[in-house]
Amino acid sequence: MAYDENKNFPVSWEELHRNSKALAWRLLELGPFTGVVAVTRGGLVPAAIVARELEIRHIETACLSSYHARDRGEVQIIKAPEQAGDGSGWLIIDDLVDTGETGKVLRKMMPKGHFATVYAKPKGRPVVDTFITEVSQDTWIFFPWDLEHRPSVPIAGSR
């Protein structure tokens, strides 16, 4: 999938926290949950926020890799969650579902888990059970850990 260079969606720490908390509100009525599986690396921060809000202390990780810079590759399982079994009673939390390929791998690992993401793109939406914000498929989301504060050039000075 080619991304439109003009369709960047920068997410601040405050926005990520607010949207992760909104995700927790949606999930509250579906619980109680045995635990949370945080999908590394992007799902670690939203999973921590959701776990706090739902007072879940049992947290596992599913370590997967599919992105290399902005290029998608085959999904590699680095570490499967050890105690989530088929996912019954577990929340699987990630920051984003893009094409859904990582989600499909997670579904095979934990078919009975409830998969939730903060952000969803159209191709990945069918894979998740719950999400907060949808963005277009050709948009690149910049999460707070992808950004650094830098001086900017005034618009008039950039011509």
N, C-alpha and C. Protein backbone atom coordinates (compact mmCIF):
# COMPACT_ATOMS: atom_id res chain seq x y z
N MET A 1 0.84 -1.18 0.00
CA MET A 1 0.00 0.00 0.00
C MET A 1 0.88 1.23 0.00
N ALA A 2 0.65 2.09 -0.94
CA ALA A 2 1.38 3.35 -0.98
C ALA A 2 0.69 4.36 -0.07
N TYR A 3 1.49 5.11 0.66
CA TYR A 3 0.95 6.13 1.54
C TYR A 3 1.09 7.48 0.88
N ASP A 4 0.09 8.31 1.03
CA ASP A 4 0.10 9.66 0.49
C ASP A 4 0.95 10.51 1.43
N GLU A 5 2.02 11.09 0.92
CA GLU A 5 2.93 11.89 1.74
C GLU A 5 2.22 13.05 2.44
N ASN A 6 1.10 13.49 1.88
CA ASN A 6 0.35 14.60 2.48
C ASN A 6 -0.67 14.13 3.51
N LYS A 7 -0.85 12.82 3.64
CA LYS A 7 -1.83 12.29 4.59
C LYS A 7 -1.10 11.71 5.80
N ASN A 8 -0.53 12.59 6.57
CA ASN A 8 0.11 12.20 7.82
C ASN A 8 -0.84 12.52 8.96
N PHE A 9 -0.92 11.62 9.93
CA PHE A 9 -1.82 11.79 11.06
C PHE A 9 -0.97 11.72 12.33
N PRO A 10 -0.44 12.87 12.78
CA PRO A 10 0.37 12.85 14.00
C PRO A 10 -0.52 12.75 15.24
N VAL A 11 -0.14 11.87 16.15
CA VAL A 11 -0.89 11.64 17.37
C VAL A 11 -0.03 12.08 18.56
N SER A 12 -0.57 12.94 19.39
CA SER A 12 0.16 13.40 20.58
C SER A 12 -0.02 12.39 21.71
N TRP A 13 0.82 12.53 22.73
CA TRP A 13 0.68 11.68 23.92
C TRP A 13 -0.70 11.86 24.55
N GLU A 14 -1.16 13.11 24.62
CA GLU A 14 -2.47 13.39 25.22
C GLU A 14 -3.60 12.74 24.42
N GLU A 15 -3.51 12.84 23.10
CA GLU A 15 -4.54 12.25 22.25
C GLU A 15 -4.54 10.73 22.38
N LEU A 16 -3.36 10.13 22.39
CA LEU A 16 -3.27 8.68 22.54
C LEU A 16 -3.85 8.25 23.88
N HIS A 17 -3.55 8.98 24.93
CA HIS A 17 -4.08 8.65 26.25
C HIS A 17 -5.60 8.77 26.26
N ARG A 18 -6.12 9.87 25.72
CA ARG A 18 -7.57 10.10 25.68
C ARG A 18 -8.27 8.99 24.88
N ASN A 19 -7.73 8.63 23.72
CA ASN A 19 -8.35 7.60 22.89
C ASN A 19 -8.22 6.21 23.50
N SER A 20 -7.11 5.95 24.19
CA SER A 20 -6.94 4.66 24.86
C SER A 20 -7.93 4.54 26.02
N LYS A 21 -8.15 5.65 26.71
CA LYS A 21 -9.14 5.66 27.80
C LYS A 21 -10.55 5.47 27.23
N ALA A 22 -10.84 6.07 26.08
CA ALA A 22 -12.13 5.86 25.42
C ALA A 22 -12.31 4.39 25.04
N LEU A 23 -11.22 3.76 24.61
CA LEU A 23 -11.27 2.33 24.30
C LEU A 23 -11.63 1.54 25.56
N ALA A 24 -11.03 1.91 26.68
CA ALA A 24 -11.33 1.23 27.94
C ALA A 24 -12.81 1.37 28.31
N TRP A 25 -13.39 2.56 28.08
CA TRP A 25 -14.82 2.76 28.35
C TRP A 25 -15.66 1.78 27.54
N ARG A 26 -15.31 1.62 26.27
CA ARG A 26 -16.07 0.69 25.41
C ARG A 26 -15.92 -0.76 25.87
N LEU A 27 -14.74 -1.08 26.38
CA LEU A 27 -14.46 -2.46 26.78
C LEU A 27 -15.02 -2.81 28.16
N LEU A 28 -15.24 -1.81 28.98
CA LEU A 28 -15.69 -2.02 30.36
C LEU A 28 -16.93 -2.90 30.43
N GLU A 29 -17.90 -2.62 29.58
CA GLU A 29 -19.16 -3.37 29.60
C GLU A 29 -19.02 -4.79 29.09
N LEU A 30 -17.92 -5.10 28.43
CA LEU A 30 -17.72 -6.44 27.87
C LEU A 30 -17.01 -7.39 28.84
N GLY A 31 -16.45 -6.84 29.91
CA GLY A 31 -15.67 -7.62 30.86
C GLY A 31 -16.54 -8.33 31.87
N PRO A 32 -15.93 -8.88 32.89
CA PRO A 32 -14.52 -8.74 33.25
C PRO A 32 -13.63 -9.60 32.36
N PHE A 33 -12.36 -9.21 32.29
CA PHE A 33 -11.37 -9.92 31.50
C PHE A 33 -10.32 -10.54 32.42
N THR A 34 -9.80 -11.67 32.00
CA THR A 34 -8.76 -12.37 32.74
C THR A 34 -7.46 -11.58 32.70
N GLY A 35 -7.16 -11.01 31.54
CA GLY A 35 -5.92 -10.28 31.37
C GLY A 35 -5.88 -9.57 30.04
N VAL A 36 -4.76 -8.90 29.81
CA VAL A 36 -4.52 -8.15 28.59
C VAL A 36 -3.29 -8.71 27.90
N VAL A 37 -3.39 -8.89 26.59
CA VAL A 37 -2.23 -9.22 25.77
C VAL A 37 -1.88 -7.94 25.01
N ALA A 38 -0.72 -7.38 25.33
CA ALA A 38 -0.23 -6.18 24.64
C ALA A 38 0.56 -6.63 23.42
N VAL A 39 0.21 -6.10 22.26
CA VAL A 39 0.92 -6.46 21.03
C VAL A 39 2.09 -5.49 20.88
N THR A 40 3.29 -6.02 20.94
CA THR A 40 4.47 -5.15 20.87
C THR A 40 4.80 -4.81 19.43
N ARG A 41 5.33 -3.61 19.34
CA ARG A 41 5.63 -2.65 20.37
C ARG A 41 4.54 -1.63 20.51
N GLY A 42 3.83 -1.34 19.43
CA GLY A 42 2.86 -0.26 19.45
C GLY A 42 1.73 -0.41 20.44
N GLY A 43 1.36 -1.62 20.78
CA GLY A 43 0.25 -1.84 21.69
C GLY A 43 0.61 -1.72 23.16
N LEU A 44 1.89 -1.56 23.48
CA LEU A 44 2.30 -1.51 24.89
C LEU A 44 1.67 -0.34 25.65
N VAL A 45 1.73 0.86 25.08
CA VAL A 45 1.20 2.03 25.78
C VAL A 45 -0.32 1.96 25.89
N PRO A 46 -1.06 1.72 24.79
CA PRO A 46 -2.51 1.61 24.95
C PRO A 46 -2.92 0.47 25.89
N ALA A 47 -2.19 -0.65 25.86
CA ALA A 47 -2.52 -1.77 26.75
C ALA A 47 -2.33 -1.39 28.20
N ALA A 48 -1.28 -0.62 28.50
CA ALA A 48 -1.06 -0.19 29.88
C ALA A 48 -2.19 0.72 30.35
N ILE A 49 -2.64 1.60 29.48
CA ILE A 49 -3.73 2.52 29.85
C ILE A 49 -5.03 1.75 30.04
N VAL A 50 -5.35 0.85 29.12
CA VAL A 50 -6.57 0.06 29.23
C VAL A 50 -6.52 -0.82 30.48
N ALA A 51 -5.39 -1.46 30.73
CA ALA A 51 -5.26 -2.32 31.91
C ALA A 51 -5.46 -1.52 33.19
N ARG A 52 -4.91 -0.32 33.23
CA ARG A 52 -5.08 0.54 34.41
C ARG A 52 -6.55 0.89 34.61
N GLU A 53 -7.19 1.34 33.52
CA GLU A 53 -8.57 1.79 33.62
C GLU A 53 -9.53 0.65 33.98
N LEU A 54 -9.23 -0.56 33.53
CA LEU A 54 -10.10 -1.71 33.82
C LEU A 54 -9.62 -2.49 35.04
N GLU A 55 -8.57 -1.98 35.69
CA GLU A 55 -7.98 -2.61 36.86
C GLU A 55 -7.60 -4.07 36.61
N ILE A 56 -6.93 -4.28 35.48
CA ILE A 56 -6.41 -5.60 35.12
C ILE A 56 -4.91 -5.61 35.40
N ARG A 57 -4.48 -6.57 36.16
CA ARG A 57 -3.06 -6.63 36.51
C ARG A 57 -2.31 -7.73 35.77
N HIS A 58 -3.03 -8.65 35.16
CA HIS A 58 -2.38 -9.73 34.43
C HIS A 58 -2.15 -9.28 32.98
N ILE A 59 -0.89 -9.03 32.65
CA ILE A 59 -0.55 -8.53 31.31
C ILE A 59 0.48 -9.45 30.67
N GLU A 60 0.17 -9.87 29.46
CA GLU A 60 1.04 -10.70 28.64
C GLU A 60 1.48 -9.89 27.43
N THR A 61 2.43 -10.40 26.68
CA THR A 61 2.81 -9.77 25.42
C THR A 61 2.79 -10.77 24.28
N ALA A 62 2.41 -10.27 23.13
CA ALA A 62 2.56 -10.99 21.87
C ALA A 62 3.53 -10.13 21.07
N CYS A 63 4.70 -10.65 20.81
CA CYS A 63 5.74 -9.88 20.12
C CYS A 63 5.76 -10.30 18.66
N LEU A 64 5.31 -9.37 17.79
CA LEU A 64 5.23 -9.62 16.36
C LEU A 64 5.92 -8.49 15.62
N SER A 65 6.38 -8.80 14.43
CA SER A 65 7.03 -7.79 13.61
C SER A 65 6.55 -7.91 12.18
N SER A 66 6.14 -6.77 11.61
CA SER A 66 5.73 -6.78 10.20
C SER A 66 6.20 -5.54 9.45
N TYR A 67 6.54 -4.48 10.18
CA TYR A 67 6.99 -3.25 9.53
C TYR A 67 8.50 -3.14 9.61
N HIS A 68 9.08 -2.67 8.53
CA HIS A 68 10.49 -2.33 8.48
C HIS A 68 10.52 -0.94 7.84
N ALA A 69 10.65 0.09 8.69
CA ALA A 69 10.42 1.48 8.30
C ALA A 69 8.96 1.57 7.86
N ARG A 70 8.67 2.05 6.66
CA ARG A 70 7.28 2.10 6.19
C ARG A 70 6.93 0.93 5.29
N ASP A 71 7.83 -0.01 5.17
CA ASP A 71 7.58 -1.18 4.32
C ASP A 71 7.03 -2.33 5.14
N ARG A 72 5.95 -2.91 4.65
CA ARG A 72 5.36 -4.07 5.32
C ARG A 72 6.00 -5.33 4.78
N GLY A 73 6.24 -6.26 5.66
CA GLY A 73 6.76 -7.55 5.26
C GLY A 73 5.88 -8.64 5.84
N GLU A 74 6.36 -9.85 5.77
CA GLU A 74 5.64 -10.98 6.34
C GLU A 74 5.63 -10.84 7.86
N VAL A 75 4.54 -11.22 8.48
CA VAL A 75 4.43 -11.13 9.94
C VAL A 75 5.28 -12.22 10.57
N GLN A 76 6.17 -11.80 11.45
CA GLN A 76 7.03 -12.73 12.16
C GLN A 76 6.61 -12.78 13.62
N ILE A 77 6.44 -13.98 14.15
CA ILE A 77 6.13 -14.14 15.58
C ILE A 77 7.45 -14.26 16.31
N ILE A 78 7.72 -13.29 17.16
CA ILE A 78 8.95 -13.29 17.95
C ILE A 78 8.70 -13.99 19.28
N LYS A 79 7.52 -13.73 19.88
CA LYS A 79 7.13 -14.36 21.14
C LYS A 79 5.63 -14.43 21.21
N ALA A 80 5.11 -15.62 21.46
CA ALA A 80 3.67 -15.80 21.66
C ALA A 80 3.35 -15.61 23.14
N PRO A 81 2.13 -15.15 23.46
CA PRO A 81 1.77 -15.04 24.87
C PRO A 81 1.73 -16.44 25.49
N GLU A 82 2.27 -16.55 26.69
CA GLU A 82 2.42 -17.86 27.30
C GLU A 82 1.18 -18.35 28.05
N GLN A 83 0.37 -17.44 28.59
CA GLN A 83 -0.73 -17.87 29.45
C GLN A 83 -2.12 -17.58 28.90
N ALA A 84 -2.22 -16.97 27.75
CA ALA A 84 -3.53 -16.58 27.23
C ALA A 84 -4.28 -17.71 26.55
N GLY A 85 -3.62 -18.83 26.29
CA GLY A 85 -4.27 -19.97 25.67
C GLY A 85 -4.96 -19.60 24.37
N ASP A 86 -6.24 -19.99 24.25
CA ASP A 86 -7.00 -19.67 23.03
C ASP A 86 -7.58 -18.27 23.08
N GLY A 87 -7.26 -17.51 24.14
CA GLY A 87 -7.72 -16.13 24.26
C GLY A 87 -9.00 -15.96 25.05
N SER A 88 -9.62 -17.03 25.49
CA SER A 88 -10.88 -16.92 26.24
C SER A 88 -10.69 -16.00 27.44
N GLY A 89 -11.49 -14.93 27.50
CA GLY A 89 -11.45 -13.99 28.60
C GLY A 89 -10.34 -12.96 28.52
N TRP A 90 -9.59 -12.95 27.44
CA TRP A 90 -8.44 -12.05 27.30
C TRP A 90 -8.73 -10.94 26.32
N LEU A 91 -8.17 -9.76 26.61
CA LEU A 91 -8.18 -8.63 25.69
C LEU A 91 -6.86 -8.61 24.94
N ILE A 92 -6.90 -8.44 23.65
CA ILE A 92 -5.70 -8.28 22.83
C ILE A 92 -5.70 -6.82 22.40
N ILE A 93 -4.67 -6.07 22.81
CA ILE A 93 -4.66 -4.63 22.56
C ILE A 93 -3.48 -4.25 21.66
N ASP A 94 -3.77 -3.52 20.59
CA ASP A 94 -2.74 -2.97 19.72
C ASP A 94 -3.07 -1.50 19.46
N ASP A 95 -2.08 -0.77 18.99
CA ASP A 95 -2.30 0.63 18.69
C ASP A 95 -3.12 0.81 17.42
N LEU A 96 -2.91 -0.06 16.44
CA LEU A 96 -3.44 0.15 15.10
C LEU A 96 -3.66 -1.17 14.40
N VAL A 97 -4.74 -1.26 13.62
CA VAL A 97 -4.87 -2.34 12.66
C VAL A 97 -4.83 -1.67 11.29
N ASP A 98 -3.88 -2.12 10.45
CA ASP A 98 -3.66 -1.51 9.15
C ASP A 98 -4.28 -2.40 8.07
N THR A 99 -3.55 -3.37 7.58
CA THR A 99 -4.08 -4.28 6.57
C THR A 99 -4.79 -5.47 7.19
N GLY A 100 -4.55 -5.70 8.47
CA GLY A 100 -5.17 -6.83 9.16
C GLY A 100 -4.32 -8.08 9.20
N GLU A 101 -3.15 -8.05 8.56
CA GLU A 101 -2.30 -9.24 8.52
C GLU A 101 -1.81 -9.65 9.90
N THR A 102 -1.37 -8.70 10.71
CA THR A 102 -0.95 -9.02 12.08
C THR A 102 -2.15 -9.53 12.88
N GLY A 103 -3.29 -8.89 12.69
CA GLY A 103 -4.50 -9.32 13.38
C GLY A 103 -4.90 -10.75 13.04
N LYS A 104 -4.72 -11.14 11.80
CA LYS A 104 -5.05 -12.52 11.40
C LYS A 104 -4.15 -13.51 12.13
N VAL A 105 -2.89 -13.17 12.28
CA VAL A 105 -1.96 -14.04 13.02
C VAL A 105 -2.40 -14.12 14.48
N LEU A 106 -2.76 -12.99 15.06
CA LEU A 106 -3.22 -12.97 16.45
C LEU A 106 -4.50 -13.79 16.61
N ARG A 107 -5.40 -13.70 15.66
CA ARG A 107 -6.65 -14.48 15.70
C ARG A 107 -6.37 -15.99 15.66
N LYS A 108 -5.38 -16.40 14.88
CA LYS A 108 -5.02 -17.82 14.85
C LYS A 108 -4.45 -18.26 16.19
N MET A 109 -3.65 -17.37 16.81
CA MET A 109 -3.04 -17.69 18.10
C MET A 109 -4.08 -17.73 19.22
N MET A 110 -5.02 -16.77 19.20
CA MET A 110 -6.01 -16.62 20.28
C MET A 110 -7.39 -16.37 19.68
N PRO A 111 -7.99 -17.39 19.08
CA PRO A 111 -9.25 -17.18 18.36
C PRO A 111 -10.42 -16.70 19.23
N LYS A 112 -10.35 -16.94 20.54
CA LYS A 112 -11.46 -16.53 21.41
C LYS A 112 -11.19 -15.22 22.15
N GLY A 113 -10.06 -14.57 21.86
CA GLY A 113 -9.74 -13.30 22.49
C GLY A 113 -10.54 -12.16 21.89
N HIS A 114 -10.66 -11.08 22.63
CA HIS A 114 -11.33 -9.88 22.14
C HIS A 114 -10.25 -8.91 21.67
N PHE A 115 -10.19 -8.67 20.37
CA PHE A 115 -9.14 -7.86 19.77
C PHE A 115 -9.61 -6.42 19.65
N ALA A 116 -8.85 -5.50 20.27
CA ALA A 116 -9.22 -4.09 20.26
C ALA A 116 -8.01 -3.23 19.90
N THR A 117 -8.26 -2.19 19.13
CA THR A 117 -7.21 -1.25 18.74
C THR A 117 -7.71 0.17 18.93
N VAL A 118 -6.77 1.09 19.06
CA VAL A 118 -7.14 2.49 19.17
C VAL A 118 -7.52 3.02 17.79
N TYR A 119 -6.71 2.72 16.79
CA TYR A 119 -6.94 3.20 15.42
C TYR A 119 -7.15 2.02 14.49
N ALA A 120 -7.97 2.24 13.46
CA ALA A 120 -8.26 1.19 12.48
C ALA A 120 -8.31 1.79 11.08
N LYS A 121 -7.78 1.04 10.13
CA LYS A 121 -7.89 1.39 8.72
C LYS A 121 -8.88 0.42 8.08
N PRO A 122 -9.51 0.80 6.98
CA PRO A 122 -10.58 -0.01 6.39
C PRO A 122 -10.23 -1.47 6.12
N LYS A 123 -9.05 -1.74 5.59
CA LYS A 123 -8.68 -3.14 5.29
C LYS A 123 -8.59 -4.00 6.55
N GLY A 124 -8.21 -3.39 7.66
CA GLY A 124 -8.04 -4.14 8.90
C GLY A 124 -9.26 -4.21 9.79
N ARG A 125 -10.24 -3.35 9.54
CA ARG A 125 -11.43 -3.28 10.41
C ARG A 125 -12.11 -4.62 10.65
N PRO A 126 -12.27 -5.48 9.63
CA PRO A 126 -12.97 -6.75 9.89
C PRO A 126 -12.26 -7.66 10.90
N VAL A 127 -10.99 -7.43 11.15
CA VAL A 127 -10.22 -8.30 12.04
C VAL A 127 -10.43 -7.93 13.51
N VAL A 128 -10.74 -6.66 13.79
CA VAL A 128 -10.86 -6.21 15.18
C VAL A 128 -12.31 -6.24 15.66
N ASP A 129 -12.46 -6.43 16.97
CA ASP A 129 -13.79 -6.41 17.57
C ASP A 129 -14.19 -5.00 17.99
N THR A 130 -13.22 -4.22 18.47
CA THR A 130 -13.50 -2.88 18.98
C THR A 130 -12.36 -1.95 18.60
N PHE A 131 -12.71 -0.72 18.17
CA PHE A 131 -11.70 0.30 17.91
C PHE A 131 -12.33 1.65 18.18
N ILE A 132 -11.51 2.70 18.21
CA ILE A 132 -12.00 4.04 18.51
C ILE A 132 -12.04 4.94 17.28
N THR A 133 -10.93 5.06 16.56
CA THR A 133 -10.84 6.04 15.47
C THR A 133 -10.46 5.35 14.16
N GLU A 134 -11.19 5.67 13.10
CA GLU A 134 -10.85 5.13 11.78
C GLU A 134 -10.14 6.21 10.97
N VAL A 135 -9.07 5.79 10.28
CA VAL A 135 -8.36 6.68 9.35
C VAL A 135 -8.31 5.99 8.00
N SER A 136 -8.10 6.77 6.93
CA SER A 136 -8.07 6.19 5.59
C SER A 136 -6.87 5.28 5.41
N GLN A 137 -6.98 4.36 4.49
CA GLN A 137 -5.95 3.35 4.28
C GLN A 137 -4.61 3.96 3.86
N ASP A 138 -4.64 5.06 3.13
CA ASP A 138 -3.40 5.66 2.63
C ASP A 138 -2.79 6.69 3.58
N THR A 139 -3.28 6.75 4.81
CA THR A 139 -2.76 7.68 5.81
C THR A 139 -1.70 6.99 6.66
N TRP A 140 -0.61 7.69 6.92
CA TRP A 140 0.43 7.17 7.81
C TRP A 140 0.24 7.82 9.17
N ILE A 141 0.08 7.00 10.20
CA ILE A 141 -0.10 7.51 11.56
C ILE A 141 1.28 7.62 12.22
N PHE A 142 1.57 8.81 12.72
CA PHE A 142 2.80 9.02 13.49
C PHE A 142 2.42 9.02 14.97
N PHE A 143 2.86 8.00 15.69
CA PHE A 143 2.59 7.91 17.11
C PHE A 143 3.60 8.76 17.87
N PRO A 144 3.31 9.09 19.12
CA PRO A 144 4.21 9.99 19.87
C PRO A 144 5.65 9.48 19.93
N TRP A 145 5.84 8.18 19.97
CA TRP A 145 7.19 7.63 20.03
C TRP A 145 7.91 7.71 18.68
N ASP A 146 7.18 8.09 17.63
CA ASP A 146 7.79 8.28 16.30
C ASP A 146 8.22 9.72 16.08
N LEU A 147 7.84 10.61 16.99
CA LEU A 147 8.04 12.05 16.79
C LEU A 147 9.02 12.61 17.81
N GLU A 148 9.65 13.71 17.44
CA GLU A 148 10.46 14.45 18.40
C GLU A 148 10.19 15.93 18.18
N HIS A 149 10.31 16.69 19.26
CA HIS A 149 10.08 18.13 19.17
C HIS A 149 11.27 18.79 18.47
N ARG A 150 10.96 19.59 17.46
CA ARG A 150 11.99 20.30 16.71
C ARG A 150 11.48 21.67 16.34
N PRO A 151 12.37 22.60 16.21
CA PRO A 151 11.95 23.94 15.75
C PRO A 151 11.35 23.84 14.35
N SER A 152 10.36 24.63 14.09
CA SER A 152 9.75 24.62 12.76
C SER A 152 10.05 25.94 12.04
N VAL A 153 10.03 25.88 10.74
CA VAL A 153 10.26 27.05 9.89
C VAL A 153 8.90 27.70 9.65
N PRO A 154 8.80 29.03 9.78
CA PRO A 154 7.52 29.70 9.48
C PRO A 154 7.09 29.40 8.04
N ILE A 155 5.81 29.33 7.84
CA ILE A 155 5.27 28.98 6.52
C ILE A 155 5.84 29.91 5.45
N ALA A 156 5.89 31.21 5.68
CA ALA A 156 6.40 32.15 4.69
C ALA A 156 7.89 31.92 4.40
N GLY A 157 8.61 31.42 5.36
CA GLY A 157 10.04 31.19 5.18
C GLY A 157 10.37 29.89 4.48
N SER A 158 9.37 29.07 4.22
CA SER A 158 9.64 27.77 3.59
C SER A 158 9.48 27.80 2.07
N ARG A 159 9.22 28.99 1.51
CA ARG A 159 9.05 29.07 0.05
C ARG A 159 10.34 29.10 -0.67
